[in-house]
């Protein structure tokens, strides 16, 4: 990792520090190569660090898990034992459970891995109140630009949000946004030239299939899984028809569902459930899937800047731009003041909302437009939803994120915001 990227600020640090002070076990998961190891080494440099990528360490731990952990934690006092790639050991979870049940000290273990080591239901349940699991995603644009944490969700959840509270957003061109989308958020890879970067992203997917998938479950047809990943990149920001994917990949429907679960657990794709009001049967209940990193999805599809130009496929920008916005929201979600959940919504008569942020008593409804201008027509679904649709019983804020440069109000808590507002300043 080069020096300019190594110390980019990670907005999850306060959450990690709080977790270490309040839980006996801190479990940090996220995609391979997003900086988990660098983060915990910098943040918890006073602890003892071991990696289960070392075959000898893994073999010793599996031979005598409790004895090895007791030996590794001896003399640490208030410092944690940091175990990297913790998911590689199937015996680790129960040994940790036994130790932290006997010793109630906070911050004993910090685990990192590409998937959750505590996958057994009885172990996870028994560690309730003893463990906090946090996810480190690829870099957000705010982190890349060393800007403040994205607080637009907290802003929109106010009773009367005001555009005055939003600082002047960074003025970006359509080309600037495309560059951000193509670069992605993996610290070491995003700064490479396009050709080298995209080759490395494709190699990254091969490494995940060859190495990380086996930590979750054996896969009999890795080539079919690789095809499924390519198909998910094509279908980012879409509702998924698993039966159609089964035909394309020559897999059984149940196997497709299992493979999709693996991709979610490895943080390659993320799933937005369908928000339902409970009012009737005319709401679609299929989830929508997004590829977690737009740089990876564009590399799999061989997208370049020329792809989005007039005469090629400018319409293909829509899906990856929506996934880009979802990624920015998802990365900031744990650090908001409120506990918010992300969904999408669509009715049987084709009214839809790209992202619905549920804050309980207040909903924030988001549309993403790959254009530099906004009209009243862009708000028709948002306004109907809040006045005549299932959102009429709650407070609703509508936002259209677009590629323009102006913050605009369209009345009744409906706003058009440049996408760069997601890493702009917010005064609350």
Protein backbone atom coordinates (compact mmCIF):
# COMPACT_ATOMS: atom_id res chain seq x y z
CA UNK A 1 0.00 0.00 0.00
CA UNK A 2 1.53 3.33 -0.94
CA UNK A 3 2.07 6.04 1.66
CA UNK A 4 -0.66 8.34 0.36
CA UNK A 5 -3.33 5.66 0.79
CA UNK A 6 -2.09 3.87 3.90
CA UNK A 7 -3.27 6.44 6.39
CA UNK A 8 -6.52 7.54 4.85
CA UNK A 9 -8.89 8.16 7.77
CA UNK A 10 -11.47 5.43 8.38
CA UNK A 11 -14.70 6.73 9.81
CA UNK A 12 -15.34 3.43 11.60
CA UNK A 13 -12.52 4.08 14.10
CA UNK A 14 -14.73 5.63 16.84
CA UNK A 15 -17.12 2.66 16.56
CA UNK A 16 -14.19 0.27 16.91
CA UNK A 17 -12.86 2.10 19.95
CA UNK A 18 -16.29 2.05 21.55
CA UNK A 19 -16.66 -1.66 20.78
CA UNK A 20 -13.31 -2.42 22.38
CA UNK A 21 -14.37 -0.56 25.53
CA UNK A 22 -17.77 -2.24 25.82
CA UNK A 23 -17.44 -5.81 24.50
CA UNK A 24 -15.15 -8.71 25.33
CA UNK A 25 -14.81 -9.68 21.66
CA UNK A 26 -14.70 -7.30 18.69
CA UNK A 27 -15.35 -8.98 15.36
CA UNK A 28 -14.33 -6.89 12.32
CA UNK A 29 -15.44 -8.37 9.02
CA UNK A 30 -15.35 -7.10 5.46
CA UNK A 31 -14.06 -7.82 1.97
CA UNK A 32 -10.48 -8.94 1.49
CA UNK A 33 -7.98 -6.07 0.94
CA UNK A 34 -10.14 -3.21 2.25
CA UNK A 35 -7.63 -2.42 5.00
CA UNK A 36 -8.86 -4.40 8.03
CA UNK A 37 -5.38 -5.58 9.03
CA UNK A 38 -3.84 -2.13 8.58
CA UNK A 39 -6.62 -0.54 10.61
CA UNK A 40 -6.41 -2.85 13.61
CA UNK A 41 -2.61 -2.79 13.64
CA UNK A 42 -2.60 1.02 13.66
CA UNK A 43 -5.46 1.31 16.14
CA UNK A 44 -4.51 -1.53 18.47
CA UNK A 45 -0.74 -1.52 17.95
CA UNK A 46 -0.17 -2.33 21.60
CA UNK A 47 -1.84 -5.77 21.28
CA UNK A 48 -0.47 -9.15 20.25
CA UNK A 49 -1.04 -9.81 16.52
CA UNK A 50 -1.25 -13.23 14.87
CA UNK A 51 -2.53 -14.21 11.46
CA UNK A 52 -4.15 -17.51 10.53
CA UNK A 53 -2.83 -17.01 7.00
CA UNK A 54 0.30 -18.53 8.57
CA UNK A 55 -0.20 -22.29 8.11
CA UNK A 56 1.90 -23.14 11.18
CA UNK A 57 -0.08 -20.82 13.44
CA UNK A 58 -3.36 -22.18 12.09
CA UNK A 59 -2.25 -25.79 12.63
CA UNK A 60 -1.15 -25.07 16.21
CA UNK A 61 -4.41 -23.29 17.00
CA UNK A 62 -6.52 -26.09 15.59
CA UNK A 63 -4.50 -28.70 17.53
CA UNK A 64 -5.01 -26.98 20.90
CA UNK A 65 -7.22 -23.88 20.48
CA UNK A 66 -7.78 -23.07 24.15
CA UNK A 67 -4.17 -23.70 25.14
CA UNK A 68 -2.83 -21.56 22.30
CA UNK A 69 -5.19 -18.68 23.11
CA UNK A 70 -4.26 -18.77 26.79
CA UNK A 71 -0.57 -18.69 25.80
CA UNK A 72 -1.06 -15.85 23.29
CA UNK A 73 -3.02 -13.69 25.77
CA UNK A 74 -0.61 -14.22 28.67
CA UNK A 75 0.89 -10.94 29.82
CA UNK A 76 -1.27 -8.75 27.60
CA UNK A 77 -3.00 -7.13 30.60
CA UNK A 78 -5.38 -4.55 29.03
CA UNK A 79 -4.26 -5.08 25.43
CA UNK A 80 -6.21 -7.27 22.98
CA UNK A 81 -5.15 -10.39 21.13
CA UNK A 82 -5.65 -9.58 17.44
CA UNK A 83 -6.37 -12.60 15.25
CA UNK A 84 -6.28 -11.88 11.52
CA UNK A 85 -8.21 -14.09 9.05
CA UNK A 86 -10.01 -15.63 12.02
CA UNK A 87 -12.53 -17.44 9.81
CA UNK A 88 -9.84 -19.93 8.77
CA UNK A 89 -10.16 -21.85 12.05
CA UNK A 90 -13.33 -23.83 12.70
CA UNK A 91 -12.36 -24.39 16.34
CA UNK A 92 -11.65 -20.78 17.30
CA UNK A 93 -15.15 -19.63 18.22
CA UNK A 94 -15.86 -22.17 20.97
CA UNK A 95 -12.42 -21.67 22.51
CA UNK A 96 -12.91 -17.90 22.63
CA UNK A 97 -16.37 -18.37 24.13
CA UNK A 98 -14.93 -20.48 26.95
CA UNK A 99 -12.22 -17.92 27.73
CA UNK A 100 -14.48 -14.84 27.75
CA UNK A 101 -17.10 -16.66 29.82
CA UNK A 102 -14.42 -17.18 32.50
CA UNK A 103 -12.97 -13.66 32.18
CA UNK A 104 -15.31 -10.65 31.85
CA UNK A 105 -12.62 -8.12 30.86
CA UNK A 106 -13.57 -5.91 27.92
CA UNK A 107 -11.50 -5.87 24.75
CA UNK A 108 -9.85 -9.27 25.09
CA UNK A 109 -10.03 -10.27 21.42
CA UNK A 110 -10.12 -8.39 18.11
CA UNK A 111 -10.88 -10.71 15.20
CA UNK A 112 -10.68 -9.79 11.53
CA UNK A 113 -11.77 -11.77 8.52
CA UNK A 114 -13.52 -11.75 5.18
CA UNK A 115 -16.49 -13.56 6.71
CA UNK A 116 -17.98 -13.97 10.16
CA UNK A 117 -16.23 -16.68 12.19
CA UNK A 118 -19.25 -16.96 14.48
CA UNK A 119 -21.57 -18.64 12.01
CA UNK A 120 -22.86 -21.38 14.32
CA UNK A 121 -26.15 -20.19 15.77
CA UNK A 122 -25.62 -21.57 19.26
CA UNK A 123 -22.16 -19.96 19.54
CA UNK A 124 -23.40 -16.60 18.23
CA UNK A 125 -26.37 -16.69 20.60
CA UNK A 126 -24.23 -17.58 23.60
CA UNK A 127 -21.93 -14.62 22.85
CA UNK A 128 -24.81 -12.16 22.89
CA UNK A 129 -23.75 -9.21 25.02
CA UNK A 130 -20.11 -10.32 24.86
CA UNK A 131 -19.31 -9.57 21.22
CA UNK A 132 -19.78 -6.71 18.77
CA UNK A 133 -19.50 -7.30 15.04
CA UNK A 134 -18.61 -4.38 12.78
CA UNK A 135 -18.11 -4.29 9.04
CA UNK A 136 -15.34 -2.42 7.23
CA UNK A 137 -16.41 -1.67 3.67
CA UNK A 138 -14.22 -0.39 0.82
CA UNK A 139 -13.30 3.27 1.19
CA UNK A 140 -16.11 5.79 1.00
CA UNK A 141 -15.59 8.90 -1.12
CA UNK A 142 -15.53 10.97 2.06
CA UNK A 143 -12.60 8.88 3.31
CA UNK A 144 -10.82 9.08 -0.04
CA UNK A 145 -11.18 12.85 -0.07
CA UNK A 146 -10.39 13.16 3.67
CA UNK A 147 -13.76 14.81 4.14
CA UNK A 148 -16.18 14.66 7.05
CA UNK A 149 -18.43 11.69 7.63
CA UNK A 150 -21.55 11.59 5.45
CA UNK A 151 -24.37 12.98 7.66
CA UNK A 152 -27.02 13.47 4.98
CA UNK A 153 -29.22 10.74 6.47
CA UNK A 154 -29.31 12.46 9.88
CA UNK A 155 -30.00 15.74 8.10
CA UNK A 156 -32.92 14.30 6.15
CA UNK A 157 -34.46 12.69 9.25
CA UNK A 158 -35.02 16.10 10.86
CA UNK A 159 -38.54 17.46 11.14
CA UNK A 160 -37.62 20.43 8.95
CA UNK A 161 -34.34 19.88 7.11
CA UNK A 162 -32.95 23.04 5.56
CA UNK A 163 -30.65 23.38 2.58
CA UNK A 164 -28.79 26.06 4.55
CA UNK A 165 -27.49 23.27 6.79
CA UNK A 166 -25.73 21.65 3.84
CA UNK A 167 -22.41 23.16 2.90
CA UNK A 168 -21.60 23.92 -0.72
CA UNK A 169 -21.10 20.52 -2.37
CA UNK A 170 -17.99 19.78 -4.38
CA UNK A 171 -18.59 20.79 -7.98
CA UNK A 172 -17.96 17.69 -10.06
CA UNK A 173 -18.54 16.96 -13.72
CA UNK A 174 -20.12 13.81 -15.11
CA UNK A 175 -16.59 12.65 -15.99
CA UNK A 176 -15.50 13.18 -12.37
CA UNK A 177 -18.29 10.94 -11.10
CA UNK A 178 -17.46 8.28 -13.68
CA UNK A 179 -13.82 8.35 -12.54
CA UNK A 180 -14.91 7.73 -8.94
CA UNK A 181 -17.16 4.86 -10.02
CA UNK A 182 -14.44 3.22 -12.11
CA UNK A 183 -11.80 3.61 -9.39
CA UNK A 184 -13.72 1.82 -6.64
CA UNK A 185 -12.77 1.86 -2.98
CA UNK A 186 -10.00 -0.71 -2.49
CA UNK A 187 -7.03 1.24 -1.07
CA UNK A 188 -4.16 -0.41 -2.96
CA UNK A 189 -5.96 -0.95 -6.26
CA UNK A 190 -7.99 2.20 -6.86
CA UNK A 191 -4.97 4.41 -7.63
CA UNK A 192 -3.54 2.16 -10.35
CA UNK A 193 -3.90 3.03 -14.06
CA UNK A 194 -7.22 1.78 -15.45
CA UNK A 195 -5.86 -1.25 -17.32
CA UNK A 196 -3.77 -2.51 -14.40
CA UNK A 197 -6.53 -1.70 -11.92
CA UNK A 198 -9.18 -3.65 -13.76
CA UNK A 199 -6.89 -6.65 -14.20
CA UNK A 200 -6.17 -6.60 -10.47
CA UNK A 201 -9.88 -6.37 -9.62
CA UNK A 202 -10.59 -9.40 -11.81
CA UNK A 203 -7.71 -11.28 -10.17
CA UNK A 204 -9.20 -10.30 -6.82
CA UNK A 205 -12.48 -12.03 -7.69
CA UNK A 206 -10.59 -15.15 -8.76
CA UNK A 207 -8.73 -15.15 -5.42
CA UNK A 208 -11.99 -14.82 -3.47
CA UNK A 209 -13.52 -17.76 -5.36
CA UNK A 210 -10.41 -19.93 -5.03
CA UNK A 211 -9.66 -19.14 -1.39
CA UNK A 212 -12.31 -17.38 0.70
CA UNK A 213 -15.42 -19.23 -0.44
CA UNK A 214 -14.11 -22.50 1.03
CA UNK A 215 -14.01 -20.90 4.48
CA UNK A 216 -17.81 -20.65 4.36
CA UNK A 217 -18.82 -23.82 2.53
CA UNK A 218 -17.44 -26.22 -0.09
CA UNK A 219 -18.41 -25.26 -3.63
CA UNK A 220 -18.59 -28.10 -6.15
CA UNK A 221 -18.77 -25.83 -9.19
CA UNK A 222 -16.43 -22.84 -8.75
CA UNK A 223 -16.68 -22.01 -12.47
CA UNK A 224 -20.45 -21.66 -12.12
CA UNK A 225 -19.96 -19.41 -9.08
CA UNK A 226 -17.58 -17.25 -11.14
CA UNK A 227 -20.26 -16.94 -13.85
CA UNK A 228 -22.82 -16.02 -11.18
CA UNK A 229 -20.55 -13.22 -9.92
CA UNK A 230 -20.29 -11.86 -13.47
CA UNK A 231 -24.07 -11.96 -13.78
CA UNK A 232 -24.50 -10.13 -10.47
CA UNK A 233 -22.17 -7.40 -11.75
CA UNK A 234 -24.38 -7.03 -14.82
CA UNK A 235 -27.50 -6.95 -12.63
CA UNK A 236 -26.32 -4.48 -9.99
CA UNK A 237 -29.20 -2.31 -8.71
CA UNK A 238 -31.78 -4.81 -9.94
CA UNK A 239 -34.25 -7.22 -8.42
CA UNK A 240 -32.92 -10.72 -9.01
CA UNK A 241 -34.78 -13.60 -10.60
CA UNK A 242 -33.04 -16.63 -9.08
CA UNK A 243 -34.72 -19.03 -11.52
CA UNK A 244 -33.28 -17.08 -14.47
CA UNK A 245 -29.82 -17.12 -12.87
CA UNK A 246 -30.15 -20.88 -12.35
CA UNK A 247 -30.66 -21.37 -16.08
CA UNK A 248 -27.74 -19.12 -17.02
CA UNK A 249 -25.34 -20.83 -14.62
CA UNK A 250 -26.74 -24.36 -15.09
CA UNK A 251 -27.26 -24.64 -11.35
CA UNK A 252 -30.25 -25.68 -9.28
CA UNK A 253 -32.33 -22.85 -7.85
CA UNK A 254 -31.42 -23.84 -4.27
CA UNK A 255 -27.72 -23.74 -5.20
CA UNK A 256 -28.08 -20.23 -6.64
CA UNK A 257 -29.65 -19.12 -3.35
CA UNK A 258 -26.75 -20.67 -1.43
CA UNK A 259 -24.18 -19.00 -3.66
CA UNK A 260 -25.90 -15.62 -3.32
CA UNK A 261 -25.72 -16.02 0.46
CA UNK A 262 -21.98 -16.69 0.16
CA UNK A 263 -21.49 -13.52 -1.91
CA UNK A 264 -23.38 -11.52 0.70
CA UNK A 265 -21.36 -12.99 3.57
CA UNK A 266 -18.13 -12.21 1.71
CA UNK A 267 -19.38 -8.63 1.14
CA UNK A 268 -19.17 -8.85 -2.64
CA UNK A 269 -22.85 -8.04 -3.03
CA UNK A 270 -25.35 -6.48 -0.66
CA UNK A 271 -29.08 -7.02 -0.53
CA UNK A 272 -31.73 -4.36 0.04
CA UNK A 273 -34.91 -5.97 1.25
CA UNK A 274 -38.27 -4.80 -0.06
CA UNK A 275 -39.96 -2.37 2.35
CA UNK A 276 -43.60 -3.22 2.92
CA UNK A 277 -46.30 -1.13 4.54
CA UNK A 278 -48.53 -4.06 5.39
CA UNK A 279 -51.42 -2.32 3.66
CA UNK A 280 -52.07 -4.80 0.88
CA UNK A 281 -50.80 -7.22 -1.72
CA UNK A 282 -49.76 -4.70 -4.35
CA UNK A 283 -46.23 -4.23 -3.06
CA UNK A 284 -43.41 -6.24 -4.62
CA UNK A 285 -41.47 -8.21 -2.02
CA UNK A 286 -38.38 -9.18 -4.05
CA UNK A 287 -35.05 -7.85 -2.74
CA UNK A 288 -32.75 -5.71 -4.83
CA UNK A 289 -29.05 -6.58 -5.08
CA UNK A 290 -26.11 -4.20 -5.42
CA UNK A 291 -22.50 -4.99 -6.17
CA UNK A 292 -20.61 -3.62 -3.16
CA UNK A 293 -17.78 -1.96 -5.09
CA UNK A 294 -18.40 -0.22 -8.40
CA UNK A 295 -14.74 -0.45 -9.39
CA UNK A 296 -14.91 -4.25 -9.22
CA UNK A 297 -18.27 -4.46 -11.01
CA UNK A 298 -17.04 -2.17 -13.81
CA UNK A 299 -13.85 -4.23 -14.16
CA UNK A 300 -15.87 -7.43 -14.51
CA UNK A 301 -17.95 -5.77 -17.23
CA UNK A 302 -14.88 -4.22 -18.94
CA UNK A 303 -16.38 -0.74 -18.52
CA UNK A 304 -14.23 2.30 -19.25
CA UNK A 305 -15.08 5.97 -19.46
CA UNK A 306 -15.86 5.46 -23.17
CA UNK A 307 -18.59 2.95 -22.22
CA UNK A 308 -20.79 5.76 -20.89
CA UNK A 309 -20.36 8.11 -23.83
CA UNK A 310 -23.02 8.96 -26.39
CA UNK A 311 -22.90 6.35 -29.13
CA UNK A 312 -21.96 3.54 -26.76
CA UNK A 313 -24.02 2.72 -23.64
CA UNK A 314 -24.71 5.93 -21.69
CA UNK A 315 -27.78 4.24 -20.15
CA UNK A 316 -25.51 1.70 -18.41
CA UNK A 317 -24.41 4.46 -16.01
CA UNK A 318 -27.76 4.36 -14.22
CA UNK A 319 -27.33 1.05 -12.40
CA UNK A 320 -23.71 1.52 -11.33
CA UNK A 321 -24.45 5.10 -10.22
CA UNK A 322 -27.32 3.85 -8.04
CA UNK A 323 -25.02 1.20 -6.55
CA UNK A 324 -22.40 3.90 -5.95
CA UNK A 325 -24.92 5.97 -3.95
CA UNK A 326 -26.11 2.91 -2.02
CA UNK A 327 -22.48 2.18 -1.17
CA UNK A 328 -21.94 5.70 0.16
CA UNK A 329 -25.07 5.42 2.34
CA UNK A 330 -24.21 1.95 3.60
CA UNK A 331 -20.66 2.86 4.58
CA UNK A 332 -21.93 5.80 6.68
CA UNK A 333 -24.90 3.98 8.23
CA UNK A 334 -23.26 2.74 11.49
CA UNK A 335 -22.01 6.22 12.40
CA UNK A 336 -25.33 8.07 12.11
CA UNK A 337 -27.07 9.34 15.24
CA UNK A 338 -30.15 7.25 14.50
CA UNK A 339 -30.59 3.55 13.84
CA UNK A 340 -31.62 3.45 10.19
CA UNK A 341 -32.28 0.55 7.81
CA UNK A 342 -31.95 0.56 4.02
CA UNK A 343 -34.65 -0.91 1.77
CA UNK A 344 -36.08 -0.41 -1.68
CA UNK A 345 -39.77 -0.18 -2.58
CA UNK A 346 -41.83 -0.99 -5.67
CA UNK A 347 -45.53 -1.45 -6.28
CA UNK A 348 -47.22 -3.75 -8.75
CA UNK A 349 -48.14 -0.73 -10.90
CA UNK A 350 -44.41 0.13 -11.29
CA UNK A 351 -44.14 3.01 -8.82
CA UNK A 352 -40.73 2.62 -7.22
CA UNK A 353 -38.22 4.15 -4.87
CA UNK A 354 -34.54 3.31 -5.38
CA UNK A 355 -33.59 3.49 -1.69
CA UNK A 356 -35.95 3.78 1.26
CA UNK A 357 -34.22 4.70 4.53
CA UNK A 358 -36.42 3.67 7.45
CA UNK A 359 -35.87 5.66 10.63
CA UNK A 360 -38.98 4.35 12.37
CA UNK A 361 -41.28 7.35 12.58
CA UNK A 362 -39.57 9.03 9.59
CA UNK A 363 -38.80 7.71 6.10
CA UNK A 364 -36.25 9.14 3.67
CA UNK A 365 -37.04 8.18 0.08
CA UNK A 366 -34.19 8.39 -2.42
CA UNK A 367 -34.09 8.43 -6.21
CA UNK A 368 -30.80 8.42 -8.15
CA UNK A 369 -30.66 10.14 -11.55
CA UNK A 370 -27.74 9.96 -13.98
CA UNK A 371 -28.55 13.38 -15.42
CA UNK A 372 -27.30 16.89 -14.71
CA UNK A 373 -30.79 18.40 -14.43
CA UNK A 374 -33.91 17.67 -12.37
CA UNK A 375 -37.58 18.38 -13.02
CA UNK A 376 -40.81 18.01 -11.04
CA UNK A 377 -41.45 14.78 -12.90
CA UNK A 378 -38.45 13.18 -11.17
CA UNK A 379 -40.32 13.53 -7.86
CA UNK A 380 -43.63 12.00 -8.94
CA UNK A 381 -43.11 8.66 -7.17
CA UNK A 382 -41.62 10.30 -4.08
CA UNK A 383 -44.51 12.76 -3.75
CA UNK A 384 -47.18 10.14 -4.40
CA UNK A 385 -45.65 7.80 -1.84
CA UNK A 386 -45.67 10.45 0.90
CA UNK A 387 -49.09 11.98 0.21
CA UNK A 388 -51.30 9.23 -1.25
CA UNK A 389 -49.18 6.09 -0.90
CA UNK A 390 -48.00 3.93 2.02
CA UNK A 391 -45.83 6.71 3.46
CA UNK A 392 -48.78 9.01 4.16
CA UNK A 393 -48.98 7.93 7.81
CA UNK A 394 -45.36 8.89 8.50
CA UNK A 395 -43.11 11.88 8.05
CA UNK A 396 -41.29 11.58 4.72
CA UNK A 397 -38.36 13.37 3.15
CA UNK A 398 -37.71 12.90 -0.57
CA UNK A 399 -34.26 13.27 -2.15
CA UNK A 400 -33.24 13.03 -5.78
CA UNK A 401 -29.47 12.65 -6.04
CA UNK A 402 -28.25 13.81 -9.47
CA UNK A 403 -25.13 14.79 -11.40
CA UNK A 404 -25.84 18.52 -11.31
CA UNK A 405 -24.23 21.14 -9.06
CA UNK A 406 -27.15 22.92 -7.34
CA UNK A 407 -29.02 22.18 -4.10
CA UNK A 408 -32.71 22.68 -4.86
CA UNK A 409 -35.99 22.43 -2.98
CA UNK A 410 -39.17 21.15 -4.63
CA UNK A 411 -41.49 21.76 -1.68
CA UNK A 412 -42.99 19.53 1.02
CA UNK A 413 -39.60 18.24 2.18
CA UNK A 414 -38.48 17.19 -1.32
CA UNK A 415 -34.97 18.12 -2.42
CA UNK A 416 -32.61 17.67 -5.35
CA UNK A 417 -29.03 17.27 -4.18
CA UNK A 418 -25.77 16.82 -6.07
CA UNK A 419 -24.36 13.36 -5.38
CA UNK A 420 -21.28 15.11 -3.97
CA UNK A 421 -23.50 16.24 -1.04
CA UNK A 422 -22.83 12.74 0.31
CA UNK A 423 -19.34 13.84 1.29
CA UNK A 424 -20.09 17.51 1.96
CA UNK A 425 -20.38 19.29 5.27
CA UNK A 426 -23.63 19.16 7.26
CA UNK A 427 -24.42 21.49 10.17
CA UNK A 428 -26.92 19.86 12.55
